[in-house]
């Protein structure tokens, strides 16, 4: 009897041990494959990094059938860093944290500021950008001069944003004003409504505000309503491994210049442009560009160039004026030199079709010279600089870069070394001599601004379509 009891007791212990082992195994599996600190392990096992984001011009959208946006580009670099694929999970603004909690994605990248309310729902990475909330109004509407001046005004913002939280705080302080909340309407759309004078006021982060002033030069960026805040990526609470990986990547991206390149791509030169110049460009898109648009599109297609980029070059060169002529005797829509006209096989530089044909062909010639640059965007920046100042001077700048140990495939390198061609200690040692090296930098940056404006007109319609699908 005692032996039978002992046998049953041992059997029971074995069964309990097995049960504990099974439960423990399930917990470990769930930990690795779902929530918590197992996120990074799941990414390694599946080879997929899942980004939760929203459709917005500065975050994630489509242009010419390809994904683009600041957060998308940075997330793609993170995926490369981890050597995995990037999956995009697009949702409405108010659903992002729910998606994260439910394990539908691994992290949120959507231009999120770190706020007290959000820290209750998620953990945040180290910041990658500093911004400040600003009032947006039309130039024909007087904006508040202080927080106290909010009285009797109405502000329109998206529900669940840091703008919403800040307006609640101001309202709670006793200032009498109104605010209207919109569900899943991007800040860019509310800014467009201000531009059309459909609403009087909205709130936007400073980076979004300055970017959108390119598209809507009649808007004004008013007073700040909050201290400076930080943008960061969000992960599930207690997801320690994921936070460590993201932070390591952001430090790496900062050290290698990756972060700066992406920031410059989307936000560079947003503060330096004259509002009058922008308004003139918007006007001439309507009055002058249509005359040459088909020509530009036809020739651009031959070389697989984005016609909007070429149109931006044409505007920078001549403001869409076929009779433009400079003091150096370059002329026509694309300001072609006599030597270049002969080389490109045209006889009349003042003829719009011939000028466009020669200019694009010459731009392609410069583009082919930088075939060693894998990144198409960087390659085009080098080509534009060469179009402006000449390939020889760009080569001289690259030799200086080589001596300094700088990356010969990065636009930031040319921004550093091209201006040195105006200093005697440098240009005396170069093959092609003195050059006003700051000019091609300004030239390229202006073209990128015009290009961005032309792209926005396409991207806005595509974004509206995508948002319609997501509802």
Protein backbone atom coordinates (compact mmCIF):
# COMPACT_ATOMS: atom_id res chain seq x y z
CA UNK A 1 0.00 0.00 0.00
CA UNK A 2 2.83 2.35 0.95
CA UNK A 3 4.61 1.46 -2.31
CA UNK A 4 1.45 2.17 -4.33
CA UNK A 5 1.06 5.54 -2.60
CA UNK A 6 4.71 6.35 -3.31
CA UNK A 7 4.23 5.36 -7.00
CA UNK A 8 1.13 7.57 -7.34
CA UNK A 9 2.87 10.45 -5.58
CA UNK A 10 5.86 10.23 -7.93
CA UNK A 11 3.47 10.05 -10.92
CA UNK A 12 1.63 13.14 -9.64
CA UNK A 13 4.92 15.02 -9.26
CA UNK A 14 5.89 14.07 -12.82
CA UNK A 15 2.50 15.24 -14.12
CA UNK A 16 2.80 18.53 -12.22
CA UNK A 17 6.34 19.00 -13.52
CA UNK A 18 5.13 18.40 -17.08
CA UNK A 19 2.25 20.84 -16.57
CA UNK A 20 4.60 23.52 -15.20
CA UNK A 21 6.96 22.91 -18.12
CA UNK A 22 4.12 23.28 -20.66
CA UNK A 23 2.82 26.48 -19.03
CA UNK A 24 6.33 27.88 -18.84
CA UNK A 25 6.94 26.99 -22.50
CA UNK A 26 3.72 28.74 -23.55
CA UNK A 27 4.67 31.86 -21.59
CA UNK A 28 8.12 31.88 -23.17
CA UNK A 29 6.58 31.42 -26.63
CA UNK A 30 4.13 34.26 -26.08
CA UNK A 31 6.90 36.43 -24.72
CA UNK A 32 9.04 35.82 -27.79
CA UNK A 33 6.32 35.96 -30.41
CA UNK A 34 4.03 38.66 -29.06
CA UNK A 35 4.23 41.41 -26.51
CA UNK A 36 7.01 42.36 -24.14
CA UNK A 37 10.73 41.96 -24.39
CA UNK A 38 10.46 39.22 -27.03
CA UNK A 39 9.70 41.65 -29.87
CA UNK A 40 13.26 41.87 -31.08
CA UNK A 41 13.66 38.09 -30.94
CA UNK A 42 10.51 37.72 -33.06
CA UNK A 43 11.94 40.20 -35.59
CA UNK A 44 15.12 38.13 -35.84
CA UNK A 45 13.16 34.89 -36.26
CA UNK A 46 10.71 36.19 -38.89
CA UNK A 47 13.06 38.63 -40.67
CA UNK A 48 10.32 41.28 -40.61
CA UNK A 49 10.17 44.62 -38.81
CA UNK A 50 6.60 45.93 -38.51
CA UNK A 51 6.12 49.70 -38.54
CA UNK A 52 2.85 51.21 -37.31
CA UNK A 53 2.27 54.64 -38.85
CA UNK A 54 -0.30 56.96 -40.44
CA UNK A 55 -0.71 58.41 -43.91
CA UNK A 56 0.70 61.94 -43.95
CA UNK A 57 3.06 63.81 -46.27
CA UNK A 58 5.84 64.09 -43.70
CA UNK A 59 5.31 60.57 -42.31
CA UNK A 60 4.36 58.00 -44.95
CA UNK A 61 2.73 58.48 -48.33
CA UNK A 62 3.09 57.46 -51.97
CA UNK A 63 4.68 59.44 -54.79
CA UNK A 64 4.73 58.03 -58.32
CA UNK A 65 3.71 54.66 -56.91
CA UNK A 66 6.62 54.51 -54.45
CA UNK A 67 6.54 54.97 -50.66
CA UNK A 68 8.10 58.10 -49.23
CA UNK A 69 8.10 60.23 -46.08
CA UNK A 70 10.50 61.13 -43.29
CA UNK A 71 9.40 58.38 -40.89
CA UNK A 72 9.32 55.80 -43.67
CA UNK A 73 12.86 56.63 -44.79
CA UNK A 74 14.21 56.47 -41.24
CA UNK A 75 12.38 53.19 -40.57
CA UNK A 76 13.81 51.74 -43.80
CA UNK A 77 17.30 52.59 -42.54
CA UNK A 78 16.44 50.83 -39.27
CA UNK A 79 15.37 47.73 -41.22
CA UNK A 80 18.66 47.81 -43.16
CA UNK A 81 20.54 48.17 -39.89
CA UNK A 82 18.81 45.04 -38.58
CA UNK A 83 19.11 43.31 -41.98
CA UNK A 84 15.37 42.56 -42.13
CA UNK A 85 12.39 43.54 -44.29
CA UNK A 86 10.10 46.43 -43.37
CA UNK A 87 6.34 45.85 -43.23
CA UNK A 88 4.06 48.89 -43.05
CA UNK A 89 0.89 48.81 -40.96
CA UNK A 90 -1.15 51.93 -41.67
CA UNK A 91 -3.95 52.90 -39.32
CA UNK A 92 -5.85 55.94 -38.10
CA UNK A 93 -4.16 58.30 -35.66
CA UNK A 94 -6.33 57.23 -32.73
CA UNK A 95 -5.69 53.50 -33.28
CA UNK A 96 -1.88 53.44 -33.26
CA UNK A 97 -1.37 52.62 -29.59
CA UNK A 98 -4.15 50.01 -29.67
CA UNK A 99 -2.41 48.33 -32.63
CA UNK A 100 0.84 48.38 -30.67
CA UNK A 101 -0.78 46.84 -27.56
CA UNK A 102 -2.45 44.16 -29.68
CA UNK A 103 0.90 43.14 -31.17
CA UNK A 104 -0.06 44.16 -34.71
CA UNK A 105 3.24 46.02 -35.09
CA UNK A 106 6.61 46.36 -33.37
CA UNK A 107 6.94 50.14 -33.02
CA UNK A 108 5.21 53.41 -33.90
CA UNK A 109 6.95 56.02 -36.04
CA UNK A 110 4.55 58.85 -36.83
CA UNK A 111 6.08 62.14 -35.68
CA UNK A 112 5.06 61.48 -32.08
CA UNK A 113 6.01 63.90 -29.33
CA UNK A 114 6.82 62.44 -25.91
CA UNK A 115 3.97 63.44 -23.61
CA UNK A 116 2.92 62.46 -20.10
CA UNK A 117 -0.30 60.90 -21.42
CA UNK A 118 1.51 58.79 -24.01
CA UNK A 119 4.05 57.56 -21.49
CA UNK A 120 1.15 55.84 -19.74
CA UNK A 121 0.57 53.70 -22.84
CA UNK A 122 4.05 53.15 -24.28
CA UNK A 123 7.79 53.51 -23.85
CA UNK A 124 9.72 55.97 -26.02
CA UNK A 125 13.12 55.95 -27.66
CA UNK A 126 15.72 58.68 -27.36
CA UNK A 127 14.59 61.78 -29.34
CA UNK A 128 15.60 62.28 -32.96
CA UNK A 129 14.20 65.79 -33.48
CA UNK A 130 13.10 68.82 -31.45
CA UNK A 131 9.96 70.75 -32.44
CA UNK A 132 7.56 73.32 -31.01
CA UNK A 133 3.80 73.69 -31.38
CA UNK A 134 2.87 76.82 -33.34
CA UNK A 135 -0.37 78.53 -34.32
CA UNK A 136 -1.15 78.56 -38.06
CA UNK A 137 -3.31 81.28 -39.60
CA UNK A 138 -3.84 83.00 -42.96
CA UNK A 139 -1.86 86.17 -43.66
CA UNK A 140 -5.18 88.05 -43.90
CA UNK A 141 -6.19 86.89 -40.42
CA UNK A 142 -4.68 88.38 -37.29
CA UNK A 143 -3.20 85.66 -35.09
CA UNK A 144 -3.08 85.73 -31.28
CA UNK A 145 -0.12 87.63 -29.84
CA UNK A 146 -0.09 85.59 -26.62
CA UNK A 147 -1.84 82.65 -24.96
CA UNK A 148 -4.11 85.14 -23.16
CA UNK A 149 -5.15 86.44 -26.59
CA UNK A 150 -6.85 83.09 -27.37
CA UNK A 151 -10.12 84.42 -25.98
CA UNK A 152 -13.16 84.04 -28.25
CA UNK A 153 -11.12 82.32 -30.99
CA UNK A 154 -11.73 78.82 -32.41
CA UNK A 155 -8.96 76.32 -33.17
CA UNK A 156 -9.24 73.16 -35.27
CA UNK A 157 -6.99 70.19 -34.42
CA UNK A 158 -6.94 66.42 -34.77
CA UNK A 159 -8.31 64.43 -31.86
CA UNK A 160 -5.76 62.61 -29.70
CA UNK A 161 -2.78 64.73 -30.70
CA UNK A 162 -0.39 66.67 -28.49
CA UNK A 163 -2.15 69.79 -29.87
CA UNK A 164 -5.42 68.49 -28.42
CA UNK A 165 -3.76 67.94 -25.02
CA UNK A 166 -2.17 71.39 -25.01
CA UNK A 167 -5.44 73.15 -25.86
CA UNK A 168 -7.12 71.25 -23.02
CA UNK A 169 -4.46 72.53 -20.62
CA UNK A 170 -4.88 76.12 -21.80
CA UNK A 171 -8.67 75.85 -21.54
CA UNK A 172 -8.35 74.44 -18.00
CA UNK A 173 -6.24 77.45 -17.03
CA UNK A 174 -9.36 79.60 -17.37
CA UNK A 175 -8.91 81.15 -20.83
CA UNK A 176 -12.22 81.21 -22.70
CA UNK A 177 -11.84 79.92 -26.26
CA UNK A 178 -13.19 77.10 -28.41
CA UNK A 179 -11.59 74.18 -30.17
CA UNK A 180 -13.06 71.71 -32.64
CA UNK A 181 -11.68 68.17 -32.84
CA UNK A 182 -11.35 66.29 -36.14
CA UNK A 183 -10.96 62.53 -36.45
CA UNK A 184 -8.00 61.27 -38.52
CA UNK A 185 -7.59 64.45 -40.55
CA UNK A 186 -3.85 65.08 -41.05
CA UNK A 187 -2.37 68.36 -39.86
CA UNK A 188 -1.43 69.14 -43.48
CA UNK A 189 -5.10 69.02 -44.45
CA UNK A 190 -6.06 71.41 -41.68
CA UNK A 191 -3.28 73.77 -42.82
CA UNK A 192 -4.71 73.57 -46.35
CA UNK A 193 -8.10 74.54 -44.91
CA UNK A 194 -6.48 77.57 -43.26
CA UNK A 195 -4.92 78.46 -46.62
CA UNK A 196 -8.36 78.31 -48.28
CA UNK A 197 -9.78 80.33 -45.36
CA UNK A 198 -12.26 77.57 -44.57
CA UNK A 199 -11.05 77.68 -40.96
CA UNK A 200 -9.17 80.46 -39.17
CA UNK A 201 -6.70 78.65 -36.90
CA UNK A 202 -4.99 75.32 -36.44
CA UNK A 203 -1.91 74.11 -34.56
CA UNK A 204 1.14 72.37 -36.08
CA UNK A 205 4.58 71.26 -35.01
CA UNK A 206 7.21 73.70 -36.26
CA UNK A 207 8.76 71.23 -38.73
CA UNK A 208 5.38 70.51 -40.34
CA UNK A 209 4.49 74.20 -40.32
CA UNK A 210 7.67 75.31 -42.09
CA UNK A 211 7.41 72.51 -44.64
CA UNK A 212 3.82 73.41 -45.48
CA UNK A 213 4.60 77.09 -45.87
CA UNK A 214 6.35 76.05 -49.10
CA UNK A 215 3.06 74.66 -50.38
CA UNK A 216 0.87 77.43 -48.98
CA UNK A 217 2.87 80.69 -48.93
CA UNK A 218 -0.20 82.63 -47.76
CA UNK A 219 -0.19 80.92 -44.36
CA UNK A 220 1.66 82.41 -41.43
CA UNK A 221 3.39 80.62 -38.58
CA UNK A 222 2.25 82.29 -35.39
CA UNK A 223 3.32 82.19 -31.75
CA UNK A 224 4.46 79.02 -30.00
CA UNK A 225 1.95 77.61 -27.52
CA UNK A 226 4.20 75.10 -25.80
CA UNK A 227 7.81 74.68 -24.74
CA UNK A 228 10.04 72.74 -27.14
CA UNK A 229 9.19 69.04 -27.35
CA UNK A 230 10.97 65.92 -28.64
CA UNK A 231 9.92 63.51 -31.37
CA UNK A 232 10.62 59.83 -30.77
CA UNK A 233 9.52 56.29 -31.68
CA UNK A 234 7.18 54.36 -29.38
CA UNK A 235 7.27 50.68 -28.33
CA UNK A 236 5.26 48.57 -25.90
CA UNK A 237 5.89 49.20 -22.22
CA UNK A 238 8.64 47.01 -20.73
CA UNK A 239 9.87 46.13 -24.24
CA UNK A 240 13.45 46.66 -23.10
CA UNK A 241 15.21 44.81 -25.94
CA UNK A 242 13.38 46.80 -28.60
CA UNK A 243 14.15 50.13 -26.95
CA UNK A 244 17.84 49.19 -26.74
CA UNK A 245 17.93 48.28 -30.47
CA UNK A 246 16.13 51.45 -31.54
CA UNK A 247 18.34 53.66 -29.39
CA UNK A 248 21.49 51.99 -30.71
CA UNK A 249 20.25 52.53 -34.26
CA UNK A 250 19.40 56.21 -33.70
CA UNK A 251 22.86 56.81 -32.22
CA UNK A 252 24.40 54.99 -35.19
CA UNK A 253 22.26 56.96 -37.67
CA UNK A 254 23.33 60.21 -36.03
CA UNK A 255 27.02 59.26 -35.99
CA UNK A 256 27.02 58.12 -39.65
CA UNK A 257 25.12 61.15 -40.92
CA UNK A 258 22.10 59.05 -41.95
CA UNK A 259 19.71 61.01 -39.74
CA UNK A 260 21.03 64.36 -40.97
CA UNK A 261 20.67 63.28 -44.61
CA UNK A 262 17.02 62.36 -44.09
CA UNK A 263 16.29 65.53 -42.10
CA UNK A 264 17.91 67.62 -44.84
CA UNK A 265 15.99 65.74 -47.55
CA UNK A 266 12.64 66.74 -46.05
CA UNK A 267 13.24 69.87 -43.99
CA UNK A 268 16.38 71.61 -45.26
CA UNK A 269 16.00 75.20 -46.41
CA UNK A 270 12.46 75.48 -45.01
CA UNK A 271 13.30 78.72 -43.18
CA UNK A 272 15.54 80.39 -45.75
CA UNK A 273 13.08 80.93 -48.59
CA UNK A 274 11.51 84.29 -49.29
CA UNK A 275 7.69 84.11 -49.14
CA UNK A 276 7.39 86.39 -52.17
CA UNK A 277 9.60 84.05 -54.23
CA UNK A 278 7.45 81.09 -53.24
CA UNK A 279 4.26 82.94 -54.20
CA UNK A 280 5.81 83.83 -57.55
CA UNK A 281 6.69 80.19 -58.18
CA UNK A 282 3.15 79.03 -57.32
CA UNK A 283 1.77 81.65 -59.69
CA UNK A 284 4.08 80.64 -62.54
CA UNK A 285 3.24 76.96 -62.12
CA UNK A 286 -0.22 78.00 -63.31
CA UNK A 287 0.64 80.72 -65.84
CA UNK A 288 3.93 79.61 -67.46
CA UNK A 289 4.61 75.93 -66.82
CA UNK A 290 1.62 74.62 -68.85
CA UNK A 291 3.24 75.93 -72.06
CA UNK A 292 6.27 73.69 -71.61
CA UNK A 293 4.95 70.84 -69.48
CA UNK A 294 4.45 68.35 -72.34
CA UNK A 295 7.92 69.07 -73.73
CA UNK A 296 9.49 68.57 -70.31
CA UNK A 297 7.56 65.36 -69.71
CA UNK A 298 8.46 63.93 -73.13
CA UNK A 299 12.20 64.57 -72.83
CA UNK A 300 12.37 63.57 -69.14
CA UNK A 301 10.78 60.21 -69.94
CA UNK A 302 13.62 59.37 -72.36
CA UNK A 303 16.12 59.46 -69.49
CA UNK A 304 13.77 58.15 -66.77
CA UNK A 305 13.96 61.47 -64.93
CA UNK A 306 11.06 62.76 -62.85
CA UNK A 307 9.60 65.54 -64.99
CA UNK A 308 8.82 67.58 -61.89
CA UNK A 309 12.50 67.65 -60.95
CA UNK A 310 13.38 68.79 -64.47
CA UNK A 311 10.64 71.44 -64.30
CA UNK A 312 12.22 72.65 -61.04
CA UNK A 313 15.58 72.91 -62.85
CA UNK A 314 13.97 74.88 -65.70
CA UNK A 315 12.39 77.29 -63.24
CA UNK A 316 15.62 77.78 -61.33
CA UNK A 317 17.44 78.45 -64.59
CA UNK A 318 14.96 80.77 -66.30
CA UNK A 319 11.71 81.10 -64.33
CA UNK A 320 10.06 79.44 -67.36
CA UNK A 321 11.12 82.37 -69.54
CA UNK A 322 12.37 81.14 -72.98
CA UNK A 323 14.03 84.50 -73.64
CA UNK A 324 16.12 84.50 -70.48
CA UNK A 325 19.75 85.45 -71.02
CA UNK A 326 22.55 85.84 -68.48
CA UNK A 327 25.61 88.10 -68.44
CA UNK A 328 27.75 85.01 -69.16
CA UNK A 329 25.82 84.45 -72.43
CA UNK A 330 23.93 81.35 -71.38
CA UNK A 331 20.36 81.54 -72.63
CA UNK A 332 16.98 79.93 -73.05
CA UNK A 333 14.76 77.91 -70.74
CA UNK A 334 17.64 75.78 -69.46
CA UNK A 335 20.36 78.41 -69.82
CA UNK A 336 22.48 76.31 -72.18
CA UNK A 337 25.97 77.52 -73.11
CA UNK A 338 27.04 77.77 -76.76
CA UNK A 339 29.52 74.91 -76.29
CA UNK A 340 26.90 72.69 -74.66
CA UNK A 341 24.40 73.47 -77.45
CA UNK A 342 26.90 72.28 -80.05
CA UNK A 343 27.79 69.19 -78.01
CA UNK A 344 24.11 68.29 -77.52
CA UNK A 345 23.31 68.86 -81.20
CA UNK A 346 20.95 71.86 -81.13
CA UNK A 347 21.14 75.02 -83.23
CA UNK A 348 18.81 77.47 -81.47
CA UNK A 349 19.17 77.88 -77.71
CA UNK A 350 16.19 80.25 -77.57
CA UNK A 351 13.84 77.62 -78.99
CA UNK A 352 12.02 76.09 -75.97
CA UNK A 353 11.92 72.53 -77.33
CA UNK A 354 15.61 72.59 -78.31
CA UNK A 355 16.68 74.15 -75.01
CA UNK A 356 14.77 71.54 -72.99
CA UNK A 357 16.16 68.73 -75.16
CA UNK A 358 19.77 69.92 -74.76
CA UNK A 359 19.45 70.69 -71.05
CA UNK A 360 18.00 67.31 -70.10
CA UNK A 361 20.49 65.47 -72.30
CA UNK A 362 23.34 67.33 -70.61
CA UNK A 363 21.89 66.62 -67.15
CA UNK A 364 21.84 62.92 -68.06
CA UNK A 365 25.49 63.18 -69.15
CA UNK A 366 26.35 64.47 -65.66
CA UNK A 367 24.17 61.78 -64.09
CA UNK A 368 26.08 59.02 -65.89
CA UNK A 369 29.38 60.33 -64.54
CA UNK A 370 28.25 59.45 -61.00
CA UNK A 371 27.17 55.87 -61.71
CA UNK A 372 29.26 54.69 -58.74
CA UNK A 373 26.77 56.34 -56.36
CA UNK A 374 24.13 53.71 -55.51
CA UNK A 375 21.61 56.07 -53.93
CA UNK A 376 19.65 57.67 -56.82
CA UNK A 377 18.75 60.73 -54.75
CA UNK A 378 22.38 61.45 -53.79
CA UNK A 379 23.48 60.78 -57.37
CA UNK A 380 21.04 63.37 -58.70
CA UNK A 381 22.27 66.01 -56.24
CA UNK A 382 25.83 65.52 -57.52
CA UNK A 383 24.54 65.76 -61.11
CA UNK A 384 22.66 69.01 -60.44
CA UNK A 385 25.73 70.57 -58.82
CA UNK A 386 27.78 69.59 -61.89
CA UNK A 387 25.11 71.04 -64.20
CA UNK A 388 25.48 74.33 -62.38
CA UNK A 389 29.20 74.71 -61.66
CA UNK A 390 30.75 72.17 -64.03
CA UNK A 391 31.90 68.61 -63.56
CA UNK A 392 35.56 69.66 -63.24
CA UNK A 393 34.92 71.78 -60.14
CA UNK A 394 32.89 68.96 -58.56
CA UNK A 395 35.85 66.63 -59.17
CA UNK A 396 38.14 69.15 -57.49
CA UNK A 397 35.79 69.28 -54.49
CA UNK A 398 35.81 65.47 -54.33
CA UNK A 399 39.61 65.39 -54.34
CA UNK A 400 39.57 67.73 -51.35
CA UNK A 401 37.04 65.39 -49.75
CA UNK A 402 39.30 62.42 -50.38
CA UNK A 403 42.18 64.20 -48.64
CA UNK A 404 39.92 64.87 -45.67
CA UNK A 405 38.67 61.28 -45.53
CA UNK A 406 35.05 62.24 -46.32
CA UNK A 407 32.47 60.03 -48.03
CA UNK A 408 32.60 60.72 -51.83
CA UNK A 409 29.00 59.52 -52.30
CA UNK A 410 27.32 61.85 -49.80
CA UNK A 411 25.87 65.28 -50.65
CA UNK A 412 26.91 66.52 -47.21
CA UNK A 413 30.51 66.04 -48.36
CA UNK A 414 30.06 68.34 -51.36
CA UNK A 415 28.32 70.87 -49.13
CA UNK A 416 31.48 70.89 -47.03
CA UNK A 417 34.11 70.95 -49.79
CA UNK A 418 32.57 72.95 -52.67
CA UNK A 419 32.73 76.27 -50.75
CA UNK A 420 36.44 75.64 -50.15
CA UNK A 421 37.03 76.19 -53.88
CA UNK A 422 36.74 79.93 -53.22
CA UNK A 423 39.67 79.86 -50.75
CA UNK A 424 43.13 80.33 -52.19
CA UNK A 425 44.69 77.75 -49.87
CA UNK A 426 42.51 75.15 -51.61
CA UNK A 427 41.83 76.29 -55.20
CA UNK A 428 45.56 76.83 -55.91
CA UNK A 429 46.07 73.10 -55.57
CA UNK A 430 43.11 72.09 -57.79
CA UNK A 431 43.05 71.39 -61.52
CA UNK A 432 40.19 73.73 -62.39
CA UNK A 433 40.99 76.58 -60.01
CA UNK A 434 38.75 79.11 -58.31
CA UNK A 435 34.98 78.64 -58.15
CA UNK A 436 32.11 80.23 -56.23
CA UNK A 437 31.47 76.93 -54.53
CA UNK A 438 28.58 78.12 -52.38
CA UNK A 439 26.46 78.82 -55.49
CA UNK A 440 25.81 75.19 -56.56
CA UNK A 441 24.72 74.40 -53.00
CA UNK A 442 22.14 77.21 -53.09
CA UNK A 443 21.22 76.15 -56.63
CA UNK A 444 20.52 72.55 -55.63
CA UNK A 445 18.62 73.52 -52.48
CA UNK A 446 16.33 75.86 -54.43
CA UNK A 447 15.64 73.17 -57.03
CA UNK A 448 14.78 70.71 -54.26
CA UNK A 449 12.32 73.23 -52.79
CA UNK A 450 10.61 73.76 -56.16
CA UNK A 451 10.63 69.99 -56.75
CA UNK A 452 9.07 69.41 -53.34
CA UNK A 453 6.25 71.84 -54.13
CA UNK A 454 5.55 70.17 -57.48
CA UNK A 455 5.62 66.72 -55.85
CA UNK A 456 3.21 67.83 -53.14
CA UNK A 457 0.54 68.56 -55.71
CA UNK A 458 0.75 64.94 -56.87
CA UNK A 459 1.19 63.44 -53.40
CA UNK A 460 -1.78 65.27 -51.93
CA UNK A 461 -4.18 63.61 -54.36
CA UNK A 462 -2.58 60.17 -53.82
CA UNK A 463 -2.68 60.69 -50.04
CA UNK A 464 -6.36 61.59 -50.13
CA UNK A 465 -7.00 58.35 -52.02
CA UNK A 466 -5.02 56.28 -49.49
CA UNK A 467 -6.83 57.87 -46.56
CA UNK A 468 -10.14 57.03 -48.24
CA UNK A 469 -9.08 53.36 -48.41
CA UNK A 470 -8.05 53.38 -44.74
CA UNK A 471 -11.41 54.64 -43.42
